[in-house]
C-alpha cells in the first residue's frame, strides 16, 4: 500500500462538499435563468465546467486506486466525480431543451404582436 496522499479522516469530505455547494448554486441559477432564456452562455459554461471538474476528480480517483491508495482517498475523490458526471451530465440535455423552449416562447410572443 502506498503512502496516503492526505489524511482521509480530515480532508476526504472536501471534494464532495465543494461539488455539492457548487451544484446547489448552479441549480438555483439554472432554475431561475433557464425558463427566462437568460445567461445561456454562463449557465451552460458552468454546467460544462462542473462536468469537466467531476471527470477530473474521477480520473484522479482511478489513479489513486491503481496506485493502491487507501479506500478513504480514492472513494472520497471518486464518489463526487461519479455523481457529478452522471447527474449534471444527465441534466445538461434538460437545460438545453429549456433554453430551446424559452426561445420558441419568445418567438411565438413576437409573432403575436
PDB file of N, CA and C in Angstrom:
ATOM      1  N   UNK A   1       0.850  -1.180   0.000  1.00  0.00           N
ATOM      2  CA  UNK A   1       0.000   0.000   0.000  1.00  0.00           C
ATOM      3  C   UNK A   1       0.893   1.240   0.000  1.00  0.00           C
ATOM      4  N   UNK A   2       0.550   2.200  -0.835  1.00  0.00           N
ATOM      5  CA  UNK A   2       1.333   3.424  -0.981  1.00  0.00           C
ATOM      6  C   UNK A   2       1.077   4.361   0.195  1.00  0.00           C
ATOM      7  N   UNK A   3       1.985   5.299   0.348  1.00  0.00           N
ATOM      8  CA  UNK A   3       1.823   6.348   1.360  1.00  0.00           C
ATOM      9  C   UNK A   3       0.595   7.187   0.989  1.00  0.00           C
ATOM     10  N   UNK A   4      -0.333   7.405   1.916  1.00  0.00           N
ATOM     11  CA  UNK A   4      -1.545   8.182   1.595  1.00  0.00           C
ATOM     12  C   UNK A   4      -1.206   9.606   1.155  1.00  0.00           C
ATOM     13  N   UNK A   5      -1.932  10.086   0.168  1.00  0.00           N
ATOM     14  CA  UNK A   5      -1.725  11.438  -0.332  1.00  0.00           C
ATOM     15  C   UNK A   5      -2.104  12.482   0.708  1.00  0.00           C
ATOM     16  N   UNK A   6      -3.127  12.183   1.489  1.00  0.00           N
ATOM     17  CA  UNK A   6      -3.587  13.083   2.547  1.00  0.00           C
ATOM     18  C   UNK A   6      -4.329  12.243   3.564  1.00  0.00           C
ATOM     19  N   UNK A   7      -4.640  12.832   4.697  1.00  0.00           N
ATOM     20  CA  UNK A   7      -5.374  12.121   5.744  1.00  0.00           C
ATOM     21  C   UNK A   7      -6.863  12.122   5.378  1.00  0.00           C
ATOM     22  N   UNK A   8      -7.407  10.965   5.001  1.00  0.00           N
ATOM     23  CA  UNK A   8      -8.809  10.943   4.570  1.00  0.00           C
ATOM     24  C   UNK A   8      -9.787  11.312   5.683  1.00  0.00           C
ATOM     25  N   UNK A   9      -9.400  11.123   6.931  1.00  0.00           N
ATOM     26  CA  UNK A   9     -10.300  11.484   8.028  1.00  0.00           C
ATOM     27  C   UNK A   9     -10.463  12.991   8.151  1.00  0.00           C
ATOM     28  N   UNK A  10      -9.473  13.735   7.683  1.00  0.00           N
ATOM     29  CA  UNK A  10      -9.548  15.188   7.786  1.00  0.00           C
ATOM     30  C   UNK A  10     -10.012  15.865   6.497  1.00  0.00           C
ATOM     31  N   UNK A  11      -9.682  15.300   5.348  1.00  0.00           N
ATOM     32  CA  UNK A  11      -9.861  16.038   4.100  1.00  0.00           C
ATOM     33  C   UNK A  11     -10.750  15.372   3.059  1.00  0.00           C
ATOM     34  N   UNK A  12     -11.162  14.151   3.235  1.00  0.00           N
ATOM     35  CA  UNK A  12     -11.916  13.445   2.192  1.00  0.00           C
ATOM     36  C   UNK A  12     -13.304  14.043   1.955  1.00  0.00           C
ATOM     37  N   UNK A  13     -13.825  14.801   2.890  1.00  0.00           N
ATOM     38  CA  UNK A  13     -15.152  15.380   2.747  1.00  0.00           C
ATOM     39  C   UNK A  13     -15.154  16.625   1.851  1.00  0.00           C
ATOM     40  N   UNK A  14     -13.993  17.213   1.614  1.00  0.00           N
ATOM     41  CA  UNK A  14     -13.921  18.499   0.910  1.00  0.00           C
ATOM     42  C   UNK A  14     -14.405  18.418  -0.541  1.00  0.00           C
ATOM     43  N   UNK A  15     -13.949  17.448  -1.361  1.00  0.00           N
ATOM     44  CA  UNK A  15     -14.433  17.440  -2.756  1.00  0.00           C
ATOM     45  C   UNK A  15     -15.951  17.305  -2.870  1.00  0.00           C
ATOM     46  N   UNK A  16     -16.539  16.422  -2.102  1.00  0.00           N
ATOM     47  CA  UNK A  16     -17.984  16.247  -2.163  1.00  0.00           C
ATOM     48  C   UNK A  16     -18.739  17.476  -1.700  1.00  0.00           C
ATOM     49  N   UNK A  17     -18.230  18.119  -0.665  1.00  0.00           N
ATOM     50  CA  UNK A  17     -18.878  19.322  -0.161  1.00  0.00           C
ATOM     51  C   UNK A  17     -18.804  20.451  -1.176  1.00  0.00           C
ATOM     52  N   UNK A  18     -17.623  20.646  -1.760  1.00  0.00           N
ATOM     53  CA  UNK A  18     -17.473  21.712  -2.750  1.00  0.00           C
ATOM     54  C   UNK A  18     -18.353  21.470  -3.975  1.00  0.00           C
ATOM     55  N   UNK A  19     -18.386  20.234  -4.442  1.00  0.00           N
ATOM     56  CA  UNK A  19     -19.239  19.944  -5.597  1.00  0.00           C
ATOM     57  C   UNK A  19     -20.719  20.053  -5.240  1.00  0.00           C
ATOM     58  N   UNK A  20     -21.078  19.685  -4.021  1.00  0.00           N
ATOM     59  CA  UNK A  20     -22.467  19.815  -3.593  1.00  0.00           C
ATOM     60  C   UNK A  20     -22.917  21.263  -3.525  1.00  0.00           C
ATOM     61  N   UNK A  21     -22.077  22.120  -2.965  1.00  0.00           N
ATOM     62  CA  UNK A  21     -22.411  23.545  -2.879  1.00  0.00           C
ATOM     63  C   UNK A  21     -22.468  24.158  -4.275  1.00  0.00           C
ATOM     64  N   UNK A  22     -21.480  23.822  -5.110  1.00  0.00           N
ATOM     65  CA  UNK A  22     -21.479  24.345  -6.480  1.00  0.00           C
ATOM     66  C   UNK A  22     -22.705  23.854  -7.248  1.00  0.00           C
ATOM     67  N   UNK A  23     -23.081  22.600  -7.044  1.00  0.00           N
ATOM     68  CA  UNK A  23     -24.266  22.065  -7.712  1.00  0.00           C
ATOM     69  C   UNK A  23     -25.535  22.766  -7.263  1.00  0.00           C
ATOM     70  N   UNK A  24     -25.631  23.075  -5.980  1.00  0.00           N
ATOM     71  CA  UNK A  24     -26.792  23.805  -5.483  1.00  0.00           C
ATOM     72  C   UNK A  24     -26.883  25.205  -6.066  1.00  0.00           C
ATOM     73  N   UNK A  25     -25.746  25.889  -6.140  1.00  0.00           N
ATOM     74  CA  UNK A  25     -25.735  27.224  -6.736  1.00  0.00           C
ATOM     75  C   UNK A  25     -26.078  27.170  -8.225  1.00  0.00           C
ATOM     76  N   UNK A  26     -25.525  26.182  -8.912  1.00  0.00           N
ATOM     77  CA  UNK A  26     -25.834  26.030 -10.335  1.00  0.00           C
ATOM     78  C   UNK A  26     -27.307  25.727 -10.548  1.00  0.00           C
ATOM     79  N   UNK A  27     -27.855  24.862  -9.728  1.00  0.00           N
ATOM     80  CA  UNK A  27     -29.265  24.521  -9.849  1.00  0.00           C
ATOM     81  C   UNK A  27     -30.162  25.719  -9.608  1.00  0.00           C
ATOM     82  N   UNK A  28     -29.804  26.529  -8.619  1.00  0.00           N
ATOM     83  CA  UNK A  28     -30.580  27.736  -8.353  1.00  0.00           C
ATOM     84  C   UNK A  28     -30.535  28.720  -9.508  1.00  0.00           C
ATOM     85  N   UNK A  29     -29.331  28.916 -10.054  1.00  0.00           N
ATOM     86  CA  UNK A  29     -29.206  29.814 -11.200  1.00  0.00           C
ATOM     87  C   UNK A  29     -29.938  29.267 -12.419  1.00  0.00           C
ATOM     88  N   UNK A  30     -29.770  27.982 -12.671  1.00  0.00           N
ATOM     89  CA  UNK A  30     -30.425  27.384 -13.838  1.00  0.00           C
ATOM     90  C   UNK A  30     -31.941  27.437 -13.692  1.00  0.00           C
ATOM     91  N   UNK A  31     -32.444  27.138 -12.514  1.00  0.00           N
ATOM     92  CA  UNK A  31     -33.885  27.163 -12.298  1.00  0.00           C
ATOM     93  C   UNK A  31     -34.485  28.544 -12.457  1.00  0.00           C
ATOM     94  N   UNK A  32     -33.677  29.571 -12.208  1.00  0.00           N
ATOM     95  CA  UNK A  32     -34.147  30.944 -12.349  1.00  0.00           C
ATOM     96  C   UNK A  32     -33.967  31.467 -13.771  1.00  0.00           C
ATOM     97  N   UNK A  33     -32.815  31.182 -14.365  1.00  0.00           N
ATOM     98  CA  UNK A  33     -32.471  31.803 -15.643  1.00  0.00           C
ATOM     99  C   UNK A  33     -32.948  31.033 -16.869  1.00  0.00           C
ATOM    100  N   UNK A  34     -32.969  29.709 -16.803  1.00  0.00           N
ATOM    101  CA  UNK A  34     -33.319  28.918 -17.995  1.00  0.00           C
ATOM    102  C   UNK A  34     -34.745  29.186 -18.465  1.00  0.00           C
ATOM    103  N   UNK A  35     -35.761  29.171 -17.608  1.00  0.00           N
ATOM    104  CA  UNK A  35     -37.122  29.429 -18.113  1.00  0.00           C
ATOM    105  C   UNK A  35     -37.278  30.813 -18.741  1.00  0.00           C
ATOM    106  N   UNK A  36     -36.429  31.744 -18.337  1.00  0.00           N
ATOM    107  CA  UNK A  36     -36.479  33.095 -18.903  1.00  0.00           C
ATOM    108  C   UNK A  36     -35.625  33.222 -20.161  1.00  0.00           C
ATOM    109  N   UNK A  37     -34.809  32.213 -20.426  1.00  0.00           N
ATOM    110  CA  UNK A  37     -33.931  32.253 -21.592  1.00  0.00           C
ATOM    111  C   UNK A  37     -32.754  33.190 -21.423  1.00  0.00           C
ATOM    112  N   UNK A  38     -32.342  33.452 -20.212  1.00  0.00           N
ATOM    113  CA  UNK A  38     -31.269  34.404 -19.919  1.00  0.00           C
ATOM    114  C   UNK A  38     -29.962  33.680 -19.600  1.00  0.00           C
ATOM    115  N   UNK A  39     -28.848  34.354 -19.856  1.00  0.00           N
ATOM    116  CA  UNK A  39     -27.493  33.923 -19.468  1.00  0.00           C
ATOM    117  C   UNK A  39     -27.181  32.493 -19.910  1.00  0.00           C
ATOM    118  N   UNK A  40     -27.502  32.187 -21.145  1.00  0.00           N
ATOM    119  CA  UNK A  40     -27.297  30.827 -21.658  1.00  0.00           C
ATOM    120  C   UNK A  40     -25.821  30.439 -21.614  1.00  0.00           C
ATOM    121  N   UNK A  41     -24.943  31.319 -22.042  1.00  0.00           N
ATOM    122  CA  UNK A  41     -23.510  31.015 -22.053  1.00  0.00           C
ATOM    123  C   UNK A  41     -22.995  30.768 -20.642  1.00  0.00           C
ATOM    124  N   UNK A  42     -23.427  31.576 -19.696  1.00  0.00           N
ATOM    125  CA  UNK A  42     -22.989  31.412 -18.310  1.00  0.00           C
ATOM    126  C   UNK A  42     -23.454  30.079 -17.744  1.00  0.00           C
ATOM    127  N   UNK A  43     -24.721  29.784 -17.890  1.00  0.00           N
ATOM    128  CA  UNK A  43     -25.277  28.561 -17.300  1.00  0.00           C
ATOM    129  C   UNK A  43     -24.677  27.320 -17.950  1.00  0.00           C
ATOM    130  N   UNK A  44     -24.646  27.272 -19.272  1.00  0.00           N
ATOM    131  CA  UNK A  44     -24.074  26.102 -19.944  1.00  0.00           C
ATOM    132  C   UNK A  44     -22.579  25.988 -19.665  1.00  0.00           C
ATOM    133  N   UNK A  45     -21.884  27.117 -19.579  1.00  0.00           N
ATOM    134  CA  UNK A  45     -20.467  27.087 -19.230  1.00  0.00           C
ATOM    135  C   UNK A  45     -20.234  26.537 -17.835  1.00  0.00           C
ATOM    136  N   UNK A  46     -21.094  26.931 -16.897  1.00  0.00           N
ATOM    137  CA  UNK A  46     -20.976  26.398 -15.535  1.00  0.00           C
ATOM    138  C   UNK A  46     -21.234  24.896 -15.515  1.00  0.00           C
ATOM    139  N   UNK A  47     -22.233  24.450 -16.247  1.00  0.00           N
ATOM    140  CA  UNK A  47     -22.542  23.022 -16.276  1.00  0.00           C
ATOM    141  C   UNK A  47     -21.396  22.231 -16.896  1.00  0.00           C
ATOM    142  N   UNK A  48     -20.846  22.717 -18.006  1.00  0.00           N
ATOM    143  CA  UNK A  48     -19.733  22.003 -18.631  1.00  0.00           C
ATOM    144  C   UNK A  48     -18.491  22.023 -17.746  1.00  0.00           C
ATOM    145  N   UNK A  49     -18.236  23.143 -17.074  1.00  0.00           N
ATOM    146  CA  UNK A  49     -17.097  23.208 -16.148  1.00  0.00           C
ATOM    147  C   UNK A  49     -17.271  22.215 -15.008  1.00  0.00           C
ATOM    148  N   UNK A  50     -18.480  22.096 -14.512  1.00  0.00           N
ATOM    149  CA  UNK A  50     -18.780  21.153 -13.435  1.00  0.00           C
ATOM    150  C   UNK A  50     -18.542  19.719 -13.896  1.00  0.00           C
ATOM    151  N   UNK A  51     -18.966  19.406 -15.115  1.00  0.00           N
ATOM    152  CA  UNK A  51     -18.768  18.057 -15.653  1.00  0.00           C
ATOM    153  C   UNK A  51     -17.283  17.768 -15.817  1.00  0.00           C
ATOM    154  N   UNK A  52     -16.528  18.723 -16.341  1.00  0.00           N
ATOM    155  CA  UNK A  52     -15.080  18.527 -16.519  1.00  0.00           C
ATOM    156  C   UNK A  52     -14.396  18.363 -15.168  1.00  0.00           C
ATOM    157  N   UNK A  53     -14.763  19.191 -14.189  1.00  0.00           N
ATOM    158  CA  UNK A  53     -14.189  19.055 -12.849  1.00  0.00           C
ATOM    159  C   UNK A  53     -14.513  17.713 -12.217  1.00  0.00           C
ATOM    160  N   UNK A  54     -15.728  17.258 -12.400  1.00  0.00           N
ATOM    161  CA  UNK A  54     -16.124  15.950 -11.868  1.00  0.00           C
ATOM    162  C   UNK A  54     -15.361  14.828 -12.556  1.00  0.00           C
ATOM    163  N   UNK A  55     -15.182  14.951 -13.862  1.00  0.00           N
ATOM    164  CA  UNK A  55     -14.426  13.933 -14.598  1.00  0.00           C
ATOM    165  C   UNK A  55     -12.967  13.912 -14.149  1.00  0.00           C
ATOM    166  N   UNK A  56     -12.401  15.081 -13.861  1.00  0.00           N
ATOM    167  CA  UNK A  56     -11.028  15.128 -13.349  1.00  0.00           C
ATOM    168  C   UNK A  56     -10.928  14.455 -11.984  1.00  0.00           C
ATOM    169  N   UNK A  57     -11.900  14.716 -11.121  1.00  0.00           N
ATOM    170  CA  UNK A  57     -11.913  14.036  -9.821  1.00  0.00           C
ATOM    171  C   UNK A  57     -11.994  12.530  -9.998  1.00  0.00           C
ATOM    172  N   UNK A  58     -12.815  12.096 -10.919  1.00  0.00           N
ATOM    173  CA  UNK A  58     -12.951  10.670 -11.190  1.00  0.00           C
ATOM    174  C   UNK A  58     -11.640  10.086 -11.714  1.00  0.00           C
ATOM    175  N   UNK A  59     -10.967  10.811 -12.589  1.00  0.00           N
ATOM    176  CA  UNK A  59      -9.683  10.337 -13.118  1.00  0.00           C
ATOM    177  C   UNK A  59      -8.631  10.247 -12.014  1.00  0.00           C
ATOM    178  N   UNK A  60      -8.598  11.237 -11.130  1.00  0.00           N
ATOM    179  CA  UNK A  60      -7.650  11.201 -10.010  1.00  0.00           C
ATOM    180  C   UNK A  60      -7.982  10.038  -9.084  1.00  0.00           C
ATOM    181  N   UNK A  61      -9.259   9.756  -8.898  1.00  0.00           N
ATOM    182  CA  UNK A  61      -9.658   8.621  -8.059  1.00  0.00           C
ATOM    183  C   UNK A  61      -9.201   7.302  -8.667  1.00  0.00           C
ATOM    184  N   UNK A  62      -9.287   7.181  -9.974  1.00  0.00           N
ATOM    185  CA  UNK A  62      -8.818   5.957 -10.638  1.00  0.00           C
ATOM    186  C   UNK A  62      -7.312   5.810 -10.460  1.00  0.00           C
ATOM    187  N   UNK A  63      -6.575   6.903 -10.610  1.00  0.00           N
ATOM    188  CA  UNK A  63      -5.121   6.866 -10.389  1.00  0.00           C
ATOM    189  C   UNK A  63      -4.827   6.468  -8.952  1.00  0.00           C
ATOM    190  N   UNK A  64      -5.565   7.029  -8.001  1.00  0.00           N
ATOM    191  CA  UNK A  64      -5.358   6.689  -6.591  1.00  0.00           C
ATOM    192  C   UNK A  64      -5.629   5.212  -6.346  1.00  0.00           C
ATOM    193  N   UNK A  65      -6.662   4.687  -6.946  1.00  0.00           N
ATOM    194  CA  UNK A  65      -6.995   3.268  -6.777  1.00  0.00           C
ATOM    195  C   UNK A  65      -5.898   2.381  -7.360  1.00  0.00           C
ATOM    196  N   UNK A  66      -5.445   2.730  -8.547  1.00  0.00           N
ATOM    197  CA  UNK A  66      -4.407   1.933  -9.210  1.00  0.00           C
ATOM    198  C   UNK A  66      -3.100   1.978  -8.418  1.00  0.00           C
ATOM    199  N   UNK A  67      -2.799   3.111  -7.805  1.00  0.00           N
ATOM    200  CA  UNK A  67      -1.570   3.250  -7.022  1.00  0.00           C
ATOM    201  C   UNK A  67      -1.683   2.625  -5.641  1.00  0.00           C
ATOM    202  N   UNK A  68      -2.844   2.124  -5.293  1.00  0.00           N
ATOM    203  CA  UNK A  68      -3.010   1.457  -4.011  1.00  0.00           C
ATOM    204  C   UNK A  68      -3.259   2.390  -2.841  1.00  0.00           C
ATOM    205  N   UNK A  69      -3.833   3.546  -3.114  1.00  0.00           N
ATOM    206  CA  UNK A  69      -4.179   4.468  -2.036  1.00  0.00           C
ATOM    207  C   UNK A  69      -5.284   3.858  -1.179  1.00  0.00           C
ATOM    208  N   UNK A  70      -5.362   4.270   0.081  1.00  0.00           N
ATOM    209  CA  UNK A  70      -6.419   3.740   0.947  1.00  0.00           C
ATOM    210  C   UNK A  70      -7.818   4.091   0.421  1.00  0.00           C
ATOM    211  N   UNK A  71      -8.785   3.318   0.885  1.00  0.00           N
ATOM    212  CA  UNK A  71     -10.185   3.463   0.487  1.00  0.00           C
ATOM    213  C   UNK A  71     -10.674   4.903   0.644  1.00  0.00           C
ATOM    214  N   UNK A  72     -10.359   5.539   1.751  1.00  0.00           N
ATOM    215  CA  UNK A  72     -10.838   6.894   2.016  1.00  0.00           C
ATOM    216  C   UNK A  72     -10.331   7.917   1.022  1.00  0.00           C
ATOM    217  N   UNK A  73      -9.201   7.645   0.413  1.00  0.00           N
ATOM    218  CA  UNK A  73      -8.642   8.576  -0.573  1.00  0.00           C
ATOM    219  C   UNK A  73      -9.392   8.449  -1.897  1.00  0.00           C
ATOM    220  N   UNK A  74      -9.377   7.253  -2.484  1.00  0.00           N
ATOM    221  CA  UNK A  74      -9.972   7.127  -3.820  1.00  0.00           C
ATOM    222  C   UNK A  74     -11.488   7.223  -3.779  1.00  0.00           C
ATOM    223  N   UNK A  75     -12.111   6.772  -2.708  1.00  0.00           N
ATOM    224  CA  UNK A  75     -13.566   6.860  -2.619  1.00  0.00           C
ATOM    225  C   UNK A  75     -14.006   8.311  -2.415  1.00  0.00           C
ATOM    226  N   UNK A  76     -13.269   9.046  -1.583  1.00  0.00           N
ATOM    227  CA  UNK A  76     -13.605  10.453  -1.337  1.00  0.00           C
ATOM    228  C   UNK A  76     -13.463  11.322  -2.571  1.00  0.00           C
ATOM    229  N   UNK A  77     -12.611  10.907  -3.500  1.00  0.00           N
ATOM    230  CA  UNK A  77     -12.461  11.628  -4.759  1.00  0.00           C
ATOM    231  C   UNK A  77     -13.399  11.084  -5.836  1.00  0.00           C
ATOM    232  N   UNK A  78     -13.608   9.779  -5.825  1.00  0.00           N
ATOM    233  CA  UNK A  78     -14.370   9.144  -6.895  1.00  0.00           C
ATOM    234  C   UNK A  78     -15.868   9.322  -6.798  1.00  0.00           C
ATOM    235  N   UNK A  79     -16.406   9.256  -5.593  1.00  0.00           N
ATOM    236  CA  UNK A  79     -17.864   9.357  -5.458  1.00  0.00           C
ATOM    237  C   UNK A  79     -18.396  10.698  -5.957  1.00  0.00           C
ATOM    238  N   UNK A  80     -17.831  11.835  -5.533  1.00  0.00           N
ATOM    239  CA  UNK A  80     -18.336  13.090  -6.096  1.00  0.00           C
ATOM    240  C   UNK A  80     -18.100  13.191  -7.604  1.00  0.00           C
ATOM    241  N   UNK A  81     -17.009  12.582  -8.079  1.00  0.00           N
ATOM    242  CA  UNK A  81     -16.759  12.595  -9.518  1.00  0.00           C
ATOM    243  C   UNK A  81     -17.819  11.839 -10.286  1.00  0.00           C
ATOM    244  N   UNK A  82     -18.161  10.649  -9.812  1.00  0.00           N
ATOM    245  CA  UNK A  82     -19.187   9.842 -10.483  1.00  0.00           C
ATOM    246  C   UNK A  82     -20.544  10.534 -10.416  1.00  0.00           C
ATOM    247  N   UNK A  83     -20.904  11.010  -9.248  1.00  0.00           N
ATOM    248  CA  UNK A  83     -22.203  11.673  -9.094  1.00  0.00           C
ATOM    249  C   UNK A  83     -22.268  12.924  -9.967  1.00  0.00           C
ATOM    250  N   UNK A  84     -21.202  13.710  -9.965  1.00  0.00           N
ATOM    251  CA  UNK A  84     -21.193  14.927 -10.773  1.00  0.00           C
ATOM    252  C   UNK A  84     -21.336  14.649 -12.253  1.00  0.00           C
ATOM    253  N   UNK A  85     -20.584  13.673 -12.754  1.00  0.00           N
ATOM    254  CA  UNK A  85     -20.652  13.356 -14.183  1.00  0.00           C
ATOM    255  C   UNK A  85     -22.033  12.818 -14.550  1.00  0.00           C
ATOM    256  N   UNK A  86     -22.564  11.905 -13.753  1.00  0.00           N
ATOM    257  CA  UNK A  86     -23.847  11.292 -14.094  1.00  0.00           C
ATOM    258  C   UNK A  86     -25.020  12.253 -13.929  1.00  0.00           C
ATOM    259  N   UNK A  87     -25.082  12.942 -12.799  1.00  0.00           N
ATOM    260  CA  UNK A  87     -26.242  13.803 -12.527  1.00  0.00           C
ATOM    261  C   UNK A  87     -26.224  15.047 -13.409  1.00  0.00           C
ATOM    262  N   UNK A  88     -25.115  15.772 -13.390  1.00  0.00           N
ATOM    263  CA  UNK A  88     -25.065  17.008 -14.176  1.00  0.00           C
ATOM    264  C   UNK A  88     -25.013  16.689 -15.669  1.00  0.00           C
ATOM    265  N   UNK A  89     -24.315  15.616 -16.028  1.00  0.00           N
ATOM    266  CA  UNK A  89     -24.326  15.198 -17.426  1.00  0.00           C
ATOM    267  C   UNK A  89     -25.722  14.819 -17.892  1.00  0.00           C
ATOM    268  N   UNK A  90     -26.495  14.212 -17.016  1.00  0.00           N
ATOM    269  CA  UNK A  90     -27.874  13.870 -17.349  1.00  0.00           C
ATOM    270  C   UNK A  90     -28.792  15.074 -17.407  1.00  0.00           C
ATOM    271  N   UNK A  91     -28.464  16.122 -16.661  1.00  0.00           N
ATOM    272  CA  UNK A  91     -29.296  17.326 -16.661  1.00  0.00           C
ATOM    273  C   UNK A  91     -28.973  18.275 -17.810  1.00  0.00           C
ATOM    274  N   UNK A  92     -27.823  18.117 -18.416  1.00  0.00           N
ATOM    275  CA  UNK A  92     -27.425  19.028 -19.488  1.00  0.00           C
ATOM    276  C   UNK A  92     -28.426  19.054 -20.650  1.00  0.00           C
ATOM    277  N   UNK A  93     -28.923  17.915 -21.135  1.00  0.00           N
ATOM    278  CA  UNK A  93     -29.952  17.981 -22.191  1.00  0.00           C
ATOM    279  C   UNK A  93     -31.235  18.669 -21.724  1.00  0.00           C
ATOM    280  N   UNK A  94     -31.568  18.541 -20.463  1.00  0.00           N
ATOM    281  CA  UNK A  94     -32.766  19.205 -19.925  1.00  0.00           C
ATOM    282  C   UNK A  94     -32.579  20.720 -19.956  1.00  0.00           C
ATOM    283  N   UNK A  95     -31.394  21.176 -19.580  1.00  0.00           N
ATOM    284  CA  UNK A  95     -31.093  22.610 -19.593  1.00  0.00           C
ATOM    285  C   UNK A  95     -31.129  23.140 -21.026  1.00  0.00           C
ATOM    286  N   UNK A  96     -30.515  22.407 -21.944  1.00  0.00           N
ATOM    287  CA  UNK A  96     -30.519  22.845 -23.343  1.00  0.00           C
ATOM    288  C   UNK A  96     -31.938  22.886 -23.907  1.00  0.00           C
ATOM    289  N   UNK A  97     -32.758  21.908 -23.554  1.00  0.00           N
ATOM    290  CA  UNK A  97     -34.153  21.900 -24.009  1.00  0.00           C
ATOM    291  C   UNK A  97     -34.917  23.080 -23.399  1.00  0.00           C
ATOM    292  N   UNK A  98     -34.624  23.425 -22.147  1.00  0.00           N
ATOM    293  CA  UNK A  98     -35.268  24.571 -21.518  1.00  0.00           C
ATOM    294  C   UNK A  98     -34.958  25.869 -22.244  1.00  0.00           C
ATOM    295  N   UNK A  99     -33.708  26.032 -22.655  1.00  0.00           N
ATOM    296  CA  UNK A  99     -33.360  27.226 -23.430  1.00  0.00           C
ATOM    297  C   UNK A  99     -34.044  27.218 -24.799  1.00  0.00           C
ATOM    298  N   UNK A 100     -34.129  26.058 -25.415  1.00  0.00           N
ATOM    299  CA  UNK A 100     -34.809  25.944 -26.706  1.00  0.00           C
ATOM    300  C   UNK A 100     -36.291  26.310 -26.555  1.00  0.00           C
ATOM    301  N   UNK A 101     -36.930  25.810 -25.498  1.00  0.00           N
ATOM    302  CA  UNK A 101     -38.339  26.123 -25.248  1.00  0.00           C
ATOM    303  C   UNK A 101     -38.535  27.613 -24.983  1.00  0.00           C
ATOM    304  N   UNK A 102     -37.621  28.225 -24.244  1.00  0.00           N
ATOM    305  CA  UNK A 102     -37.723  29.659 -23.968  1.00  0.00           C
ATOM    306  C   UNK A 102     -37.600  30.458 -25.262  1.00  0.00           C
ATOM    307  N   UNK A 103     -36.730  30.017 -26.144  1.00  0.00           N
ATOM    308  CA  UNK A 103     -36.580  30.703 -27.435  1.00  0.00           C
ATOM    309  C   UNK A 103     -37.848  30.560 -28.273  1.00  0.00           C
ATOM    310  N   UNK A 104     -38.448  29.386 -28.262  1.00  0.00           N
ATOM    311  CA  UNK A 104     -39.699  29.171 -29.004  1.00  0.00           C
ATOM    312  C   UNK A 104     -40.812  30.054 -28.439  1.00  0.00           C
ATOM    313  N   UNK A 105     -40.891  30.173 -27.114  1.00  0.00           N
ATOM    314  CA  UNK A 105     -41.898  31.049 -26.499  1.00  0.00           C
ATOM    315  C   UNK A 105     -41.654  32.505 -26.881  1.00  0.00           C
ATOM    316  N   UNK A 106     -40.389  32.909 -26.895  1.00  0.00           N
ATOM    317  CA  UNK A 106     -40.056  34.288 -27.244  1.00  0.00           C
ATOM    318  C   UNK A 106     -40.453  34.589 -28.689  1.00  0.00           C
ATOM    319  N   UNK A 107     -40.154  33.667 -29.589  1.00  0.00           N
ATOM    320  CA  UNK A 107     -40.507  33.862 -30.999  1.00  0.00           C
ATOM    321  C   UNK A 107     -42.026  33.870 -31.170  1.00  0.00           C
ATOM    322  N   UNK A 108     -42.726  32.970 -30.467  1.00  0.00           N
ATOM    323  CA  UNK A 108     -44.187  32.930 -30.537  1.00  0.00           C
ATOM    324  C   UNK A 108     -44.820  34.209 -30.024  1.00  0.00           C
ATOM    325  N   UNK A 109     -44.280  34.764 -28.964  1.00  0.00           N
ATOM    326  CA  UNK A 109     -44.807  36.016 -28.425  1.00  0.00           C
ATOM    327  C   UNK A 109     -44.541  37.164 -29.393  1.00  0.00           C
ATOM    328  N   UNK A 110     -43.405  37.134 -30.056  1.00  0.00           N
ATOM    329  CA  UNK A 110     -43.088  38.177 -31.028  1.00  0.00           C
ATOM    330  C   UNK A 110     -44.021  38.097 -32.232  1.00  0.00           C
ATOM    331  N   UNK A 111     -44.382  36.886 -32.633  1.00  0.00           N
ATOM    332  CA  UNK A 111     -45.293  36.705 -33.767  1.00  0.00           C
ATOM    333  C   UNK A 111     -46.701  37.211 -33.458  1.00  0.00           C
ATOM    334  N   UNK A 112     -47.094  37.218 -32.192  1.00  0.00           N
ATOM    335  CA  UNK A 112     -48.430  37.677 -31.812  1.00  0.00           C
ATOM    336  C   UNK A 112     -48.566  39.192 -31.895  1.00  0.00           C
ATOM    337  N   UNK A 113     -47.457  39.883 -31.903  1.00  0.00           N
ATOM    338  CA  UNK A 113     -47.520  41.355 -31.919  1.00  0.00           C
ATOM    339  C   UNK A 113     -47.915  41.911 -33.248  1.00  0.00           C
TER     340      UNK A 113
END
